[in-house]
PDB file of N, CA and C in Angstrom:
ATOM      1  N   MET A   1     121.376  99.778 133.389  1.00  0.00           N
ATOM      2  CA  MET A   1     120.026  99.473 132.817  1.00  0.00           C
ATOM      3  C   MET A   1     119.552 100.853 131.943  1.00  0.00           C
ATOM      4  N   VAL A   2     118.800  99.854 130.959  1.00  0.00           N
ATOM      5  CA  VAL A   2     118.275 100.946 129.874  1.00  0.00           C
ATOM      6  C   VAL A   2     116.861 101.146 130.565  1.00  0.00           C
ATOM      7  N   HIS A   3     117.172 102.001 129.496  1.00  0.00           N
ATOM      8  CA  HIS A   3     115.127 103.090 129.809  1.00  0.00           C
ATOM      9  C   HIS A   3     114.895 103.706 128.972  1.00  0.00           C
ATOM     10  N   TYR A   4     113.030 102.709 128.657  1.00  0.00           N
ATOM     11  CA  TYR A   4     112.258 103.519 127.753  1.00  0.00           C
ATOM     12  C   TYR A   4     111.348 103.889 127.982  1.00  0.00           C
ATOM     13  N   SER A   5     111.295 104.981 127.179  1.00  0.00           N
ATOM     14  CA  SER A   5     109.509 105.502 127.674  1.00  0.00           C
ATOM     15  C   SER A   5     108.549 105.584 126.609  1.00  0.00           C
ATOM     16  N   CYS A   6     107.617 105.832 126.455  1.00  0.00           N
ATOM     17  CA  CYS A   6     106.300 105.444 125.044  1.00  0.00           C
ATOM     18  C   CYS A   6     106.591 107.016 124.411  1.00  0.00           C
ATOM     19  N   ASP A   7     107.420 106.658 123.002  1.00  0.00           N
ATOM     20  CA  ASP A   7     107.725 108.146 121.819  1.00  0.00           C
ATOM     21  C   ASP A   7     106.151 108.873 121.595  1.00  0.00           C
ATOM     22  N   ARG A   8     105.155 108.255 122.513  1.00  0.00           N
ATOM     23  CA  ARG A   8     103.691 109.305 122.114  1.00  0.00           C
ATOM     24  C   ARG A   8     103.573 109.811 123.402  1.00  0.00           C
ATOM     25  N   CYS A   9     103.477 109.332 124.455  1.00  0.00           N
ATOM     26  CA  CYS A   9     102.482 109.591 125.753  1.00  0.00           C
ATOM     27  C   CYS A   9     103.587 110.483 126.966  1.00  0.00           C
ATOM     28  N   SER A  10     104.753 109.882 126.371  1.00  0.00           N
ATOM     29  CA  SER A  10     105.906 109.924 127.338  1.00  0.00           C
ATOM     30  C   SER A  10     106.147 108.901 128.934  1.00  0.00           C
ATOM     31  N   LYS A  11     105.250 108.143 128.604  1.00  0.00           N
ATOM     32  CA  LYS A  11     104.788 107.461 129.948  1.00  0.00           C
ATOM     33  C   LYS A  11     106.254 106.803 130.364  1.00  0.00           C
ATOM     34  N   SER A  12     106.289 106.351 130.918  1.00  0.00           N
ATOM     35  CA  SER A  12     107.987 105.749 131.594  1.00  0.00           C
ATOM     36  C   SER A  12     107.398 103.665 130.901  1.00  0.00           C
ATOM     37  N   LEU A  13     108.546 103.488 130.501  1.00  0.00           N
ATOM     38  CA  LEU A  13     108.295 101.876 130.401  1.00  0.00           C
ATOM     39  C   LEU A  13     109.243 101.084 131.163  1.00  0.00           C
ATOM     40  N   LEU A  14     108.773 100.311 132.063  1.00  0.00           N
ATOM     41  CA  LEU A  14     109.564 100.034 132.835  1.00  0.00           C
ATOM     42  C   LEU A  14     109.688  98.577 132.651  1.00  0.00           C
ATOM     43  N   SER A  15     110.948  97.493 133.118  1.00  0.00           N
ATOM     44  CA  SER A  15     110.733  96.298 132.397  1.00  0.00           C
ATOM     45  C   SER A  15     109.919  95.700 133.617  1.00  0.00           C
ATOM     46  N   GLY A  16     109.469  94.387 132.886  1.00  0.00           N
ATOM     47  CA  GLY A  16     108.510  93.499 134.101  1.00  0.00           C
ATOM     48  C   GLY A  16     107.002  94.282 134.459  1.00  0.00           C
ATOM     49  N   GLU A  17     106.852  95.626 134.021  1.00  0.00           N
ATOM     50  CA  GLU A  17     105.784  96.512 134.684  1.00  0.00           C
ATOM     51  C   GLU A  17     105.015  96.651 133.290  1.00  0.00           C
ATOM     52  N   ASP A  18     105.137  97.238 132.770  1.00  0.00           N
ATOM     53  CA  ASP A  18     104.499  96.958 131.618  1.00  0.00           C
ATOM     54  C   ASP A  18     104.989  96.526 130.093  1.00  0.00           C
ATOM     55  N   SER A  19     103.689  96.744 129.128  1.00  0.00           N
ATOM     56  CA  SER A  19     103.958  96.059 128.087  1.00  0.00           C
ATOM     57  C   SER A  19     104.986  96.862 127.077  1.00  0.00           C
ATOM     58  N   ARG A  20     106.345  96.891 126.323  1.00  0.00           N
ATOM     59  CA  ARG A  20     106.624  97.794 125.195  1.00  0.00           C
ATOM     60  C   ARG A  20     106.413  97.346 124.063  1.00  0.00           C
ATOM     61  N   TYR A  21     105.933  98.093 122.932  1.00  0.00           N
ATOM     62  CA  TYR A  21     105.849  97.217 121.404  1.00  0.00           C
ATOM     63  C   TYR A  21     106.845  98.939 121.088  1.00  0.00           C
ATOM     64  N   VAL A  22     107.415  97.560 119.513  1.00  0.00           N
ATOM     65  CA  VAL A  22     108.165  98.451 118.955  1.00  0.00           C
ATOM     66  C   VAL A  22     107.452  98.889 117.452  1.00  0.00           C
ATOM     67  N   VAL A  23     107.542 100.300 117.074  1.00  0.00           N
ATOM     68  CA  VAL A  23     106.773 100.049 115.834  1.00  0.00           C
ATOM     69  C   VAL A  23     108.282 100.644 114.731  1.00  0.00           C
ATOM     70  N   ARG A  24     107.897 100.098 113.734  1.00  0.00           N
ATOM     71  CA  ARG A  24     109.246 100.441 112.921  1.00  0.00           C
ATOM     72  C   ARG A  24     108.973 100.396 111.465  1.00  0.00           C
ATOM     73  N   ILE A  25     109.052 101.777 111.069  1.00  0.00           N
ATOM     74  CA  ILE A  25     108.165 102.559 109.602  1.00  0.00           C
ATOM     75  C   ILE A  25     109.679 102.762 108.373  1.00  0.00           C
ATOM     76  N   GLU A  26     109.557 101.836 107.507  1.00  0.00           N
ATOM     77  CA  GLU A  26     110.840 102.225 106.990  1.00  0.00           C
ATOM     78  C   GLU A  26     109.724 102.564 105.449  1.00  0.00           C
ATOM     79  N   VAL A  27     110.855 103.825 105.102  1.00  0.00           N
ATOM     80  CA  VAL A  27     110.464 104.549 103.821  1.00  0.00           C
ATOM     81  C   VAL A  27     111.416 104.858 103.051  1.00  0.00           C
ATOM     82  N   TYR A  28     110.566 104.259 101.443  1.00  0.00           N
ATOM     83  CA  TYR A  28     111.633 104.258 100.162  1.00  0.00           C
ATOM     84  C   TYR A  28     111.100 104.990  98.865  1.00  0.00           C
ATOM     85  N   ALA A  29     112.127 105.303  97.862  1.00  0.00           N
ATOM     86  CA  ALA A  29     111.014 105.172  96.716  1.00  0.00           C
ATOM     87  C   ALA A  29     110.653 104.406  95.997  1.00  0.00           C
ATOM     88  N   ALA A  30     109.040 104.196  95.616  1.00  0.00           N
ATOM     89  CA  ALA A  30     108.501 102.943  94.261  1.00  0.00           C
ATOM     90  C   ALA A  30     109.400 103.046  93.543  1.00  0.00           C
ATOM     91  N   HIS A  31     109.475 101.905  93.077  1.00  0.00           N
ATOM     92  CA  HIS A  31     110.276 101.636  91.656  1.00  0.00           C
ATOM     93  C   HIS A  31     109.455 100.969  91.036  1.00  0.00           C
ATOM     94  N   GLU A  32     108.409 101.434  89.859  1.00  0.00           N
ATOM     95  CA  GLU A  32     107.168 101.230  88.942  1.00  0.00           C
ATOM     96  C   GLU A  32     108.021  99.963  88.420  1.00  0.00           C
ATOM     97  N   PRO A  33     107.992  99.198  87.353  1.00  0.00           N
ATOM     98  CA  PRO A  33     108.677  98.257  86.761  1.00  0.00           C
ATOM     99  C   PRO A  33     108.841  99.570  85.551  1.00  0.00           C
ATOM    100  N   ALA A  34     109.368  99.142  84.418  1.00  0.00           N
ATOM    101  CA  ALA A  34     109.338 100.070  82.898  1.00  0.00           C
ATOM    102  C   ALA A  34     108.432  98.976  82.530  1.00  0.00           C
ATOM    103  N   GLU A  35     107.407  99.723  81.293  1.00  0.00           N
ATOM    104  CA  GLU A  35     106.251  99.518  80.672  1.00  0.00           C
ATOM    105  C   GLU A  35     107.404  99.133  79.394  1.00  0.00           C
ATOM    106  N   LEU A  36     106.336  97.660  79.403  1.00  0.00           N
ATOM    107  CA  LEU A  36     107.035  97.019  77.681  1.00  0.00           C
ATOM    108  C   LEU A  36     106.183  97.674  76.303  1.00  0.00           C
ATOM    109  N   GLY A  37     107.012  97.795  75.692  1.00  0.00           N
ATOM    110  CA  GLY A  37     106.513  99.116  74.972  1.00  0.00           C
ATOM    111  C   GLY A  37     107.398  98.531  73.080  1.00  0.00           C
ATOM    112  N   GLU A  38     106.692  99.010  72.026  1.00  0.00           N
ATOM    113  CA  GLU A  38     107.505  98.747  71.068  1.00  0.00           C
ATOM    114  C   GLU A  38     108.994  99.154  70.634  1.00  0.00           C
ATOM    115  N   VAL A  39     109.310  98.621  70.811  1.00  0.00           N
ATOM    116  CA  VAL A  39     111.247  98.324  69.920  1.00  0.00           C
ATOM    117  C   VAL A  39     111.009  99.724  69.467  1.00  0.00           C
ATOM    118  N   ALA A  40     111.905 101.045  69.380  1.00  0.00           N
ATOM    119  CA  ALA A  40     112.723 101.722  68.107  1.00  0.00           C
ATOM    120  C   ALA A  40     113.690 101.395  68.223  1.00  0.00           C
ATOM    121  N   ASP A  41     113.568 101.869  66.208  1.00  0.00           N
ATOM    122  CA  ASP A  41     114.995 101.569  65.751  1.00  0.00           C
ATOM    123  C   ASP A  41     116.204 102.672  65.523  1.00  0.00           C
ATOM    124  N   SER A  42     116.455 102.504  67.076  1.00  0.00           N
ATOM    125  CA  SER A  42     117.538 103.778  67.247  1.00  0.00           C
ATOM    126  C   SER A  42     118.716 103.495  67.663  1.00  0.00           C
ATOM    127  N   ASP A  43     120.007 104.225  67.793  1.00  0.00           N
ATOM    128  CA  ASP A  43     121.541 103.715  68.843  1.00  0.00           C
ATOM    129  C   ASP A  43     120.709 104.502  70.159  1.00  0.00           C
ATOM    130  N   HIS A  44     120.571 103.275  70.952  1.00  0.00           N
ATOM    131  CA  HIS A  44     120.840 103.843  72.330  1.00  0.00           C
ATOM    132  C   HIS A  44     122.034 104.310  72.753  1.00  0.00           C
ATOM    133  N   LEU A  45     123.150 103.720  72.308  1.00  0.00           N
ATOM    134  CA  LEU A  45     124.171 104.047  72.977  1.00  0.00           C
ATOM    135  C   LEU A  45     124.195 105.628  73.201  1.00  0.00           C
ATOM    136  N   ASP A  46     124.211 106.418  71.600  1.00  0.00           N
ATOM    137  CA  ASP A  46     124.788 108.331  71.913  1.00  0.00           C
ATOM    138  C   ASP A  46     123.503 108.141  72.858  1.00  0.00           C
ATOM    139  N   GLU A  47     122.231 107.936  73.260  1.00  0.00           N
ATOM    140  CA  GLU A  47     121.280 108.645  74.259  1.00  0.00           C
ATOM    141  C   GLU A  47     121.841 108.060  75.788  1.00  0.00           C
ATOM    142  N   LEU A  48     122.863 107.320  75.430  1.00  0.00           N
ATOM    143  CA  LEU A  48     123.100 106.578  76.891  1.00  0.00           C
ATOM    144  C   LEU A  48     123.704 107.516  77.740  1.00  0.00           C
ATOM    145  N   SER A  49     125.076 107.823  76.351  1.00  0.00           N
ATOM    146  CA  SER A  49     126.283 108.548  76.804  1.00  0.00           C
ATOM    147  C   SER A  49     125.749 110.401  76.847  1.00  0.00           C
ATOM    148  N   GLU A  50     124.918 110.570  76.340  1.00  0.00           N
ATOM    149  CA  GLU A  50     124.271 111.945  76.609  1.00  0.00           C
ATOM    150  C   GLU A  50     124.049 112.289  78.167  1.00  0.00           C
ATOM    151  N   TYR A  51     123.144 110.932  78.529  1.00  0.00           N
ATOM    152  CA  TYR A  51     122.751 110.939  79.971  1.00  0.00           C
ATOM    153  C   TYR A  51     123.486 111.198  81.146  1.00  0.00           C
ATOM    154  N   LEU A  52     124.849 110.311  80.423  1.00  0.00           N
ATOM    155  CA  LEU A  52     125.671 109.952  81.672  1.00  0.00           C
ATOM    156  C   LEU A  52     126.697 111.352  82.201  1.00  0.00           C
ATOM    157  N   ASP A  53     126.813 112.322  80.329  1.00  0.00           N
ATOM    158  CA  ASP A  53     127.171 113.627  81.145  1.00  0.00           C
ATOM    159  C   ASP A  53     126.634 114.558  81.297  1.00  0.00           C
ATOM    160  N   GLU A  54     125.332 114.416  81.222  1.00  0.00           N
ATOM    161  CA  GLU A  54     124.172 114.939  81.765  1.00  0.00           C
ATOM    162  C   GLU A  54     124.644 114.621  83.569  1.00  0.00           C
ATOM    163  N   ILE A  55     124.797 113.582  83.673  1.00  0.00           N
ATOM    164  CA  ILE A  55     124.385 113.191  84.941  1.00  0.00           C
ATOM    165  C   ILE A  55     126.446 113.714  85.594  1.00  0.00           C
ATOM    166  N   GLU A  56     127.474 113.702  85.059  1.00  0.00           N
ATOM    167  CA  GLU A  56     128.890 114.591  85.457  1.00  0.00           C
ATOM    168  C   GLU A  56     128.671 115.352  85.378  1.00  0.00           C
ATOM    169  N   THR A  57     128.292 116.329  84.776  1.00  0.00           N
ATOM    170  CA  THR A  57     128.157 118.167  84.276  1.00  0.00           C
ATOM    171  C   THR A  57     126.854 118.259  85.363  1.00  0.00           C
ATOM    172  N   GLY A  58     126.150 117.603  85.873  1.00  0.00           N
ATOM    173  CA  GLY A  58     125.460 118.255  87.312  1.00  0.00           C
ATOM    174  C   GLY A  58     123.837 119.057  86.228  1.00  0.00           C
ATOM    175  N   GLU A  59     123.789 119.540  85.096  1.00  0.00           N
ATOM    176  CA  GLU A  59     123.121 120.032  84.209  1.00  0.00           C
ATOM    177  C   GLU A  59     121.690 119.858  84.444  1.00  0.00           C
ATOM    178  N   PRO A  60     120.412 120.909  84.925  1.00  0.00           N
ATOM    179  CA  PRO A  60     119.415 120.788  85.158  1.00  0.00           C
ATOM    180  C   PRO A  60     118.507 119.332  84.592  1.00  0.00           C
ATOM    181  N   GLY A  61     119.055 119.000  83.274  1.00  0.00           N
ATOM    182  CA  GLY A  61     117.822 117.467  82.781  1.00  0.00           C
ATOM    183  C   GLY A  61     118.142 116.015  83.564  1.00  0.00           C
ATOM    184  N   ALA A  62     119.823 116.773  83.758  1.00  0.00           N
ATOM    185  CA  ALA A  62     119.750 115.165  84.717  1.00  0.00           C
ATOM    186  C   ALA A  62     118.470 114.647  85.755  1.00  0.00           C
ATOM    187  N   VAL A  63     118.603 113.688  85.965  1.00  0.00           N
ATOM    188  CA  VAL A  63     117.612 112.764  86.704  1.00  0.00           C
ATOM    189  C   VAL A  63     118.560 112.477  88.311  1.00  0.00           C
ATOM    190  N   PRO A  64     118.074 113.607  89.532  1.00  0.00           N
ATOM    191  CA  PRO A  64     118.184 113.407  90.603  1.00  0.00           C
ATOM    192  C   PRO A  64     118.382 111.264  91.500  1.00  0.00           C
ATOM    193  N   ALA A  65     119.567 111.220  91.993  1.00  0.00           N
ATOM    194  CA  ALA A  65     119.200 109.682  92.174  1.00  0.00           C
ATOM    195  C   ALA A  65     117.849 109.880  93.476  1.00  0.00           C
ATOM    196  N   PRO A  66     117.767 108.568  93.774  1.00  0.00           N
ATOM    197  CA  PRO A  66     116.325 108.548  94.291  1.00  0.00           C
ATOM    198  C   PRO A  66     116.695 108.807  95.849  1.00  0.00           C
ATOM    199  N   ALA A  67     115.645 109.278  96.670  1.00  0.00           N
ATOM    200  CA  ALA A  67     116.902 109.767  98.061  1.00  0.00           C
ATOM    201  C   ALA A  67     117.113 108.226  98.767  1.00  0.00           C
ATOM    202  N   ALA A  68     117.613 108.551  99.838  1.00  0.00           N
ATOM    203  CA  ALA A  68     118.139 107.260 100.551  1.00  0.00           C
ATOM    204  C   ALA A  68     116.410 106.684 101.367  1.00  0.00           C
ATOM    205  N   PRO A  69     116.633 105.425 101.700  1.00  0.00           N
ATOM    206  CA  PRO A  69     115.762 104.819 102.566  1.00  0.00           C
ATOM    207  C   PRO A  69     115.306 104.927 103.644  1.00  0.00           C
ATOM    208  N   GLN A  70     114.831 105.166 104.541  1.00  0.00           N
ATOM    209  CA  GLN A  70     115.140 105.937 106.052  1.00  0.00           C
ATOM    210  C   GLN A  70     114.418 105.060 107.036  1.00  0.00           C
ATOM    211  N   ILE A  71     114.096 104.775 107.977  1.00  0.00           N
ATOM    212  CA  ILE A  71     113.948 103.507 108.759  1.00  0.00           C
ATOM    213  C   ILE A  71     113.706 104.426 110.277  1.00  0.00           C
ATOM    214  N   LEU A  72     112.116 104.339 110.389  1.00  0.00           N
ATOM    215  CA  LEU A  72     112.106 105.344 111.605  1.00  0.00           C
ATOM    216  C   LEU A  72     111.733 104.254 113.046  1.00  0.00           C
ATOM    217  N   LYS A  73     112.036 104.473 113.546  1.00  0.00           N
ATOM    218  CA  LYS A  73     111.523 103.562 115.270  1.00  0.00           C
ATOM    219  C   LYS A  73     111.136 103.929 116.453  1.00  0.00           C
ATOM    220  N   PHE A  74     109.937 103.584 116.852  1.00  0.00           N
ATOM    221  CA  PHE A  74     109.716 104.155 117.609  1.00  0.00           C
ATOM    222  C   PHE A  74     108.590 102.901 118.662  1.00  0.00           C
ATOM    223  N   ASP A  75     109.183 103.083 120.458  1.00  0.00           N
ATOM    224  CA  ASP A  75     108.775 102.684 121.824  1.00  0.00           C
ATOM    225  C   ASP A  75     106.815 103.115 121.480  1.00  0.00           C
ATOM    226  N   LEU A  76     106.098 101.992 122.047  1.00  0.00           N
ATOM    227  CA  LEU A  76     104.817 102.628 122.790  1.00  0.00           C
ATOM    228  C   LEU A  76     104.604 101.862 123.698  1.00  0.00           C
ATOM    229  N   CYS A  77     103.867 102.471 124.095  1.00  0.00           N
ATOM    230  CA  CYS A  77     102.866 101.502 125.517  1.00  0.00           C
ATOM    231  C   CYS A  77     101.822 101.102 125.526  1.00  0.00           C
ATOM    232  N   ALA A  78     100.905 100.003 126.063  1.00  0.00           N
ATOM    233  CA  ALA A  78      99.877  99.773 125.294  1.00  0.00           C
ATOM    234  C   ALA A  78      98.796 100.221 124.886  1.00  0.00           C
ATOM    235  N   ALA A  79      98.391 101.332 125.932  1.00  0.00           N
ATOM    236  CA  ALA A  79      97.539 102.712 125.135  1.00  0.00           C
ATOM    237  C   ALA A  79      97.578 102.794 123.608  1.00  0.00           C
ATOM    238  N   CYS A  80      99.141 103.095 123.910  1.00  0.00           N
ATOM    239  CA  CYS A  80      99.370 104.803 122.713  1.00  0.00           C
ATOM    240  C   CYS A  80      99.495 103.191 121.186  1.00  0.00           C
ATOM    241  N   ARG A  81      99.560 101.978 121.395  1.00  0.00           N
ATOM    242  CA  ARG A  81      99.521 100.969 120.433  1.00  0.00           C
ATOM    243  C   ARG A  81      98.062 100.883 119.860  1.00  0.00           C
ATOM    244  N   LYS A  82      96.924 100.738 121.137  1.00  0.00           N
ATOM    245  CA  LYS A  82      96.116 100.609 120.392  1.00  0.00           C
ATOM    246  C   LYS A  82      96.126 101.917 119.460  1.00  0.00           C
ATOM    247  N   LYS A  83      96.151 102.918 119.979  1.00  0.00           N
ATOM    248  CA  LYS A  83      95.554 104.216 119.200  1.00  0.00           C
ATOM    249  C   LYS A  83      96.274 103.783 118.009  1.00  0.00           C
ATOM    250  N   PHE A  84      97.756 103.523 117.901  1.00  0.00           N
ATOM    251  CA  PHE A  84      98.312 103.309 116.643  1.00  0.00           C
ATOM    252  C   PHE A  84      97.725 102.710 115.576  1.00  0.00           C
ATOM    253  N   LEU A  85      97.351 101.561 116.000  1.00  0.00           N
ATOM    254  CA  LEU A  85      96.507 100.369 115.103  1.00  0.00           C
ATOM    255  C   LEU A  85      95.345 101.359 114.503  1.00  0.00           C
ATOM    256  N   LYS A  86      94.491 101.769 115.660  1.00  0.00           N
ATOM    257  CA  LYS A  86      93.134 102.327 115.291  1.00  0.00           C
ATOM    258  C   LYS A  86      93.483 103.246 113.842  1.00  0.00           C
ATOM    259  N   ASP A  87      94.103 103.685 114.280  1.00  0.00           N
ATOM    260  CA  ASP A  87      94.889 104.928 112.982  1.00  0.00           C
ATOM    261  C   ASP A  87      95.759 105.509 113.006  1.00  0.00           C
ATOM    262  N   PRO A  88      96.691 104.593 112.053  1.00  0.00           N
ATOM    263  CA  PRO A  88      98.104 104.483 111.881  1.00  0.00           C
ATOM    264  C   PRO A  88      98.513 105.889 111.072  1.00  0.00           C
ATOM    265  N   LEU A  89      98.266 106.298 110.781  1.00  0.00           N
ATOM    266  CA  LEU A  89      98.600 107.822 109.909  1.00  0.00           C
ATOM    267  C   LEU A  89      97.860 109.277 110.416  1.00  0.00           C
ATOM    268  N   SER A  90      97.410 108.897 111.257  1.00  0.00           N
ATOM    269  CA  SER A  90      96.439 109.421 112.033  1.00  0.00           C
ATOM    270  C   SER A  90      95.888 110.749 111.224  1.00  0.00           C
ATOM    271  N   ARG A  91      94.643 110.469 110.378  1.00  0.00           N
ATOM    272  CA  ARG A  91      93.561 111.001 109.416  1.00  0.00           C
ATOM    273  C   ARG A  91      92.756 111.707 111.049  1.00  0.00           C
ATOM    274  N   GLU A  92      92.332 111.256 111.668  1.00  0.00           N
ATOM    275  CA  GLU A  92      91.688 111.081 112.719  1.00  0.00           C
ATOM    276  C   GLU A  92      92.358 112.884 113.636  1.00  0.00           C
ATOM    277  N   ALA A  93      93.302 112.906 113.662  1.00  0.00           N
ATOM    278  CA  ALA A  93      94.035 114.019 114.350  1.00  0.00           C
ATOM    279  C   ALA A  93      93.872 115.298 113.719  1.00  0.00           C
ATOM    280  N   VAL A  94      93.214 115.002 112.307  1.00  0.00           N
ATOM    281  CA  VAL A  94      93.790 116.399 111.721  1.00  0.00           C
ATOM    282  C   VAL A  94      92.607 116.646 111.436  1.00  0.00           C
ATOM    283  N   PRO A  95      92.120 117.658 112.215  1.00  0.00           N
ATOM    284  CA  PRO A  95      90.775 118.332 111.910  1.00  0.00           C
ATOM    285  C   PRO A  95      90.495 119.098 111.114  1.00  0.00           C
ATOM    286  N   LYS A  96      89.113 118.200 110.447  1.00  0.00           N
ATOM    287  CA  LYS A  96      88.276 118.729 109.174  1.00  0.00           C
ATOM    288  C   LYS A  96      87.093 119.651 109.766  1.00  0.00           C
ATOM    289  N   LEU A  97      87.575 120.736 107.635  1.00  0.00           N
ATOM    290  CA  LEU A  97      86.705 122.227 107.883  1.00  0.00           C
ATOM    291  C   LEU A  97      85.258 121.673 107.191  1.00  0.00           C
ATOM    292  N   LYS A  98      84.693 122.897 108.139  1.00  0.00           N
ATOM    293  CA  LYS A  98      83.381 122.912 107.487  1.00  0.00           C
ATOM    294  C   LYS A  98      82.610 124.097 107.036  1.00  0.00           C
ATOM    295  N   PHE A  99      82.306 123.767 105.405  1.00  0.00           N
ATOM    296  CA  PHE A  99      82.013 125.431 105.163  1.00  0.00           C
ATOM    297  C   PHE A  99      80.974 125.389 105.192  1.00  0.00           C
ATOM    298  N   SER A 100      80.396 127.047 105.108  1.00  0.00           N
ATOM    299  CA  SER A 100      78.998 126.763 105.197  1.00  0.00           C
ATOM    300  C   SER A 100      78.372 126.868 104.031  1.00  0.00           C
ATOM    301  N   LYS A 101      77.345 126.578 103.201  1.00  0.00           N
ATOM    302  CA  LYS A 101      76.840 126.582 101.732  1.00  0.00           C
ATOM    303  C   LYS A 101      76.037 127.383 101.747  1.00  0.00           C
ATOM    304  N   ASN A 102      76.971 128.211 101.149  1.00  0.00           N
ATOM    305  CA  ASN A 102      76.103 129.308 100.661  1.00  0.00           C
ATOM    306  C   ASN A 102      75.823 129.809  99.350  1.00  0.00           C
TER     307      ASN A 102
END
């Protein structure tokens, strides 16, 4: 038998007694489409060759490869599901500093 517990409050989620909710979060690099502009009158093969040489040698000018996508999966009880949907980024959990008006 598989045992589930809430990843937020650690409550045991027994099958048939309490609802179990699954939250799946996928984090990946956003790729913006390149802007269309005027076509320059230059030979792009030389630029491409230089770029490939930089990648092969690992020089600092080389562009790093984007990070691999990450998929996170959490089991939640009904109460924690409500709290998660109310504030998914936990913005309310961060204390807000109040400064005096000096």
